[in-house]
Amino acid sequence: MWQTRRHDDFYHGLIQVAALMHQLKRGKVRGARKLATTAIGYLAPFSPEKKGVNVAEVLRRLKKRYLKLRGSSILPMWKPWTPLSVHCPVYPLNLWRNI
């Protein structure tokens, strides 16, 4: 999907969120901070909702996580990530509650 929608900031933002989660899983705080910033920028114009995705809620969680990451050089101990299923008629998504 990414190959056919590179011009679409909505999908770019969602991919940034996925990359952010991967960086957090690897313990890469600096990369996660950068991705949180860019994901917020890409997704903000689509709030509150687009294609079945509650963008406002994704942004709220991204901003909350970014504030925890800002100024931190180590990854705090967080609860295990729990999935947040999002109905998307275009493409099935699996976002995470503790972004």
C-alpha atoms as a PDB file:
ATOM      1  CA  MET A   1       0.000   0.000   0.000  1.00  0.00           C
ATOM      2  CA  TRP A   2       2.821   2.406   0.857  1.00  0.00           C
ATOM      3  CA  GLN A   3       4.272   2.041  -2.622  1.00  0.00           C
ATOM      4  CA  THR A   4       1.039   3.272  -4.221  1.00  0.00           C
ATOM      5  CA  ARG A   5       0.237   6.018  -1.681  1.00  0.00           C
ATOM      6  CA  ARG A   6       3.561   7.743  -1.003  1.00  0.00           C
ATOM      7  CA  HIS A   7       1.987  11.140  -1.697  1.00  0.00           C
ATOM      8  CA  ASP A   8      -0.715  10.575   0.953  1.00  0.00           C
ATOM      9  CA  ASP A   9       0.276  12.107   4.302  1.00  0.00           C
ATOM     10  CA  PHE A  10      -2.433  10.136   6.118  1.00  0.00           C
ATOM     11  CA  TYR A  11      -0.774   6.816   5.308  1.00  0.00           C
ATOM     12  CA  HIS A  12       2.661   8.321   5.799  1.00  0.00           C
ATOM     13  CA  GLY A  13       1.619   9.327   9.334  1.00  0.00           C
ATOM     14  CA  LEU A  14       0.327   5.838  10.120  1.00  0.00           C
ATOM     15  CA  ILE A  15       3.566   4.326   8.888  1.00  0.00           C
ATOM     16  CA  GLN A  16       5.463   6.765  11.114  1.00  0.00           C
ATOM     17  CA  VAL A  17       3.410   5.481  14.083  1.00  0.00           C
ATOM     18  CA  ALA A  18       4.337   1.886  13.203  1.00  0.00           C
ATOM     19  CA  ALA A  19       8.003   2.864  12.915  1.00  0.00           C
ATOM     20  CA  LEU A  20       7.771   4.675  16.258  1.00  0.00           C
ATOM     21  CA  MET A  21       6.468   1.522  17.930  1.00  0.00           C
ATOM     22  CA  HIS A  22       9.317  -0.458  16.395  1.00  0.00           C
ATOM     23  CA  GLN A  23      11.858   2.074  17.708  1.00  0.00           C
ATOM     24  CA  LEU A  24      10.357   1.875  21.210  1.00  0.00           C
ATOM     25  CA  LYS A  25      10.477  -1.915  21.112  1.00  0.00           C
ATOM     26  CA  ARG A  26      14.189  -1.656  20.240  1.00  0.00           C
ATOM     27  CA  GLY A  27      14.783   0.896  23.026  1.00  0.00           C
ATOM     28  CA  LYS A  28      15.688   3.688  20.590  1.00  0.00           C
ATOM     29  CA  VAL A  29      14.384   6.804  22.353  1.00  0.00           C
ATOM     30  CA  ARG A  30      15.910   9.375  19.994  1.00  0.00           C
ATOM     31  CA  GLY A  31      14.404   7.719  16.917  1.00  0.00           C
ATOM     32  CA  ALA A  32      11.037   7.365  18.642  1.00  0.00           C
ATOM     33  CA  ARG A  33      11.007  11.087  19.516  1.00  0.00           C
ATOM     34  CA  LYS A  34      11.736  12.066  15.913  1.00  0.00           C
ATOM     35  CA  LEU A  35       9.065   9.743  14.560  1.00  0.00           C
ATOM     36  CA  ALA A  36       6.491  10.997  17.071  1.00  0.00           C
ATOM     37  CA  THR A  37       7.099  14.558  15.896  1.00  0.00           C
ATOM     38  CA  THR A  38       6.769  13.712  12.221  1.00  0.00           C
ATOM     39  CA  ALA A  39       3.752  11.442  12.751  1.00  0.00           C
ATOM     40  CA  ILE A  40       1.928  14.236  14.587  1.00  0.00           C
ATOM     41  CA  GLY A  41       2.687  16.612  11.730  1.00  0.00           C
ATOM     42  CA  TYR A  42       1.449  14.188   9.092  1.00  0.00           C
ATOM     43  CA  LEU A  43      -1.722  13.152  10.930  1.00  0.00           C
ATOM     44  CA  ALA A  44      -2.883  16.472  12.424  1.00  0.00           C
ATOM     45  CA  PRO A  45      -4.672  17.711   9.267  1.00  0.00           C
ATOM     46  CA  PHE A  46      -6.850  14.563   9.278  1.00  0.00           C
ATOM     47  CA  SER A  47      -8.227  14.938  12.802  1.00  0.00           C
ATOM     48  CA  PRO A  48     -10.725  13.999  14.120  1.00  0.00           C
ATOM     49  CA  GLU A  49     -11.321  10.984  11.835  1.00  0.00           C
ATOM     50  CA  LYS A  50     -10.357   9.577   8.472  1.00  0.00           C
ATOM     51  CA  LYS A  51     -11.207   6.250   6.856  1.00  0.00           C
ATOM     52  CA  GLY A  52     -12.388   4.681  10.104  1.00  0.00           C
ATOM     53  CA  VAL A  53      -9.336   5.762  12.101  1.00  0.00           C
ATOM     54  CA  ASN A  54      -9.936   7.939  15.156  1.00  0.00           C
ATOM     55  CA  VAL A  55      -7.085  10.294  14.298  1.00  0.00           C
ATOM     56  CA  ALA A  56      -7.848  12.595  17.239  1.00  0.00           C
ATOM     57  CA  GLU A  57      -7.288   9.702  19.652  1.00  0.00           C
ATOM     58  CA  VAL A  58      -4.102   8.583  17.877  1.00  0.00           C
ATOM     59  CA  LEU A  59      -2.792  12.170  18.103  1.00  0.00           C
ATOM     60  CA  ARG A  60      -3.724  12.412  21.780  1.00  0.00           C
ATOM     61  CA  ARG A  61      -1.767   9.253  22.544  1.00  0.00           C
ATOM     62  CA  LEU A  62       1.156  10.287  20.372  1.00  0.00           C
ATOM     63  CA  LYS A  63       1.425  13.645  22.147  1.00  0.00           C
ATOM     64  CA  LYS A  64       1.186  11.966  25.549  1.00  0.00           C
ATOM     65  CA  ARG A  65       3.952   9.507  24.623  1.00  0.00           C
ATOM     66  CA  TYR A  66       6.075  12.274  23.090  1.00  0.00           C
ATOM     67  CA  LEU A  67       5.928  14.252  26.340  1.00  0.00           C
ATOM     68  CA  LYS A  68       7.215  11.169  28.182  1.00  0.00           C
ATOM     69  CA  LEU A  69      10.003  10.698  25.655  1.00  0.00           C
ATOM     70  CA  ARG A  70      11.051  14.342  25.461  1.00  0.00           C
ATOM     71  CA  GLY A  71      14.130  14.934  27.542  1.00  0.00           C
ATOM     72  CA  SER A  72      14.554  11.231  28.235  1.00  0.00           C
ATOM     73  CA  SER A  73      17.562   9.258  27.112  1.00  0.00           C
ATOM     74  CA  ILE A  74      16.334   5.945  28.465  1.00  0.00           C
ATOM     75  CA  LEU A  75      13.097   4.133  27.946  1.00  0.00           C
ATOM     76  CA  PRO A  76      10.943   4.152  31.073  1.00  0.00           C
ATOM     77  CA  MET A  77       9.323   0.922  32.172  1.00  0.00           C
ATOM     78  CA  TRP A  78       5.869   0.879  30.618  1.00  0.00           C
ATOM     79  CA  LYS A  79       3.076  -1.618  30.750  1.00  0.00           C
ATOM     80  CA  PRO A  80       3.119  -4.182  27.982  1.00  0.00           C
ATOM     81  CA  TRP A  81       1.498  -2.805  24.871  1.00  0.00           C
ATOM     82  CA  THR A  82      -2.099  -3.744  24.320  1.00  0.00           C
ATOM     83  CA  PRO A  83      -3.608  -3.715  20.860  1.00  0.00           C
ATOM     84  CA  LEU A  84      -6.195  -1.172  19.804  1.00  0.00           C
ATOM     85  CA  SER A  85      -8.159  -2.511  16.870  1.00  0.00           C
ATOM     86  CA  VAL A  86      -9.222   0.106  14.376  1.00  0.00           C
ATOM     87  CA  HIS A  87     -11.814  -0.547  11.701  1.00  0.00           C
ATOM     88  CA  CYS A  88     -10.460   0.722   8.422  1.00  0.00           C
ATOM     89  CA  PRO A  89     -12.347  -0.293   5.283  1.00  0.00           C
ATOM     90  CA  VAL A  90      -9.311   0.433   3.107  1.00  0.00           C
ATOM     91  CA  TYR A  91      -6.692  -1.537   4.990  1.00  0.00           C
ATOM     92  CA  PRO A  92      -6.835  -3.463   8.296  1.00  0.00           C
ATOM     93  CA  LEU A  93      -4.850  -1.636  10.945  1.00  0.00           C
ATOM     94  CA  ASN A  94      -3.583  -2.662  14.323  1.00  0.00           C
ATOM     95  CA  LEU A  95      -2.517   0.335  16.367  1.00  0.00           C
ATOM     96  CA  TRP A  96      -1.376   0.206  19.965  1.00  0.00           C
ATOM     97  CA  ARG A  97      -2.974   1.703  23.037  1.00  0.00           C
ATOM     98  CA  ASN A  98       0.268   2.685  24.712  1.00  0.00           C
ATOM     99  CA  ILE A  99       1.829   4.498  21.797  1.00  0.00           C
END
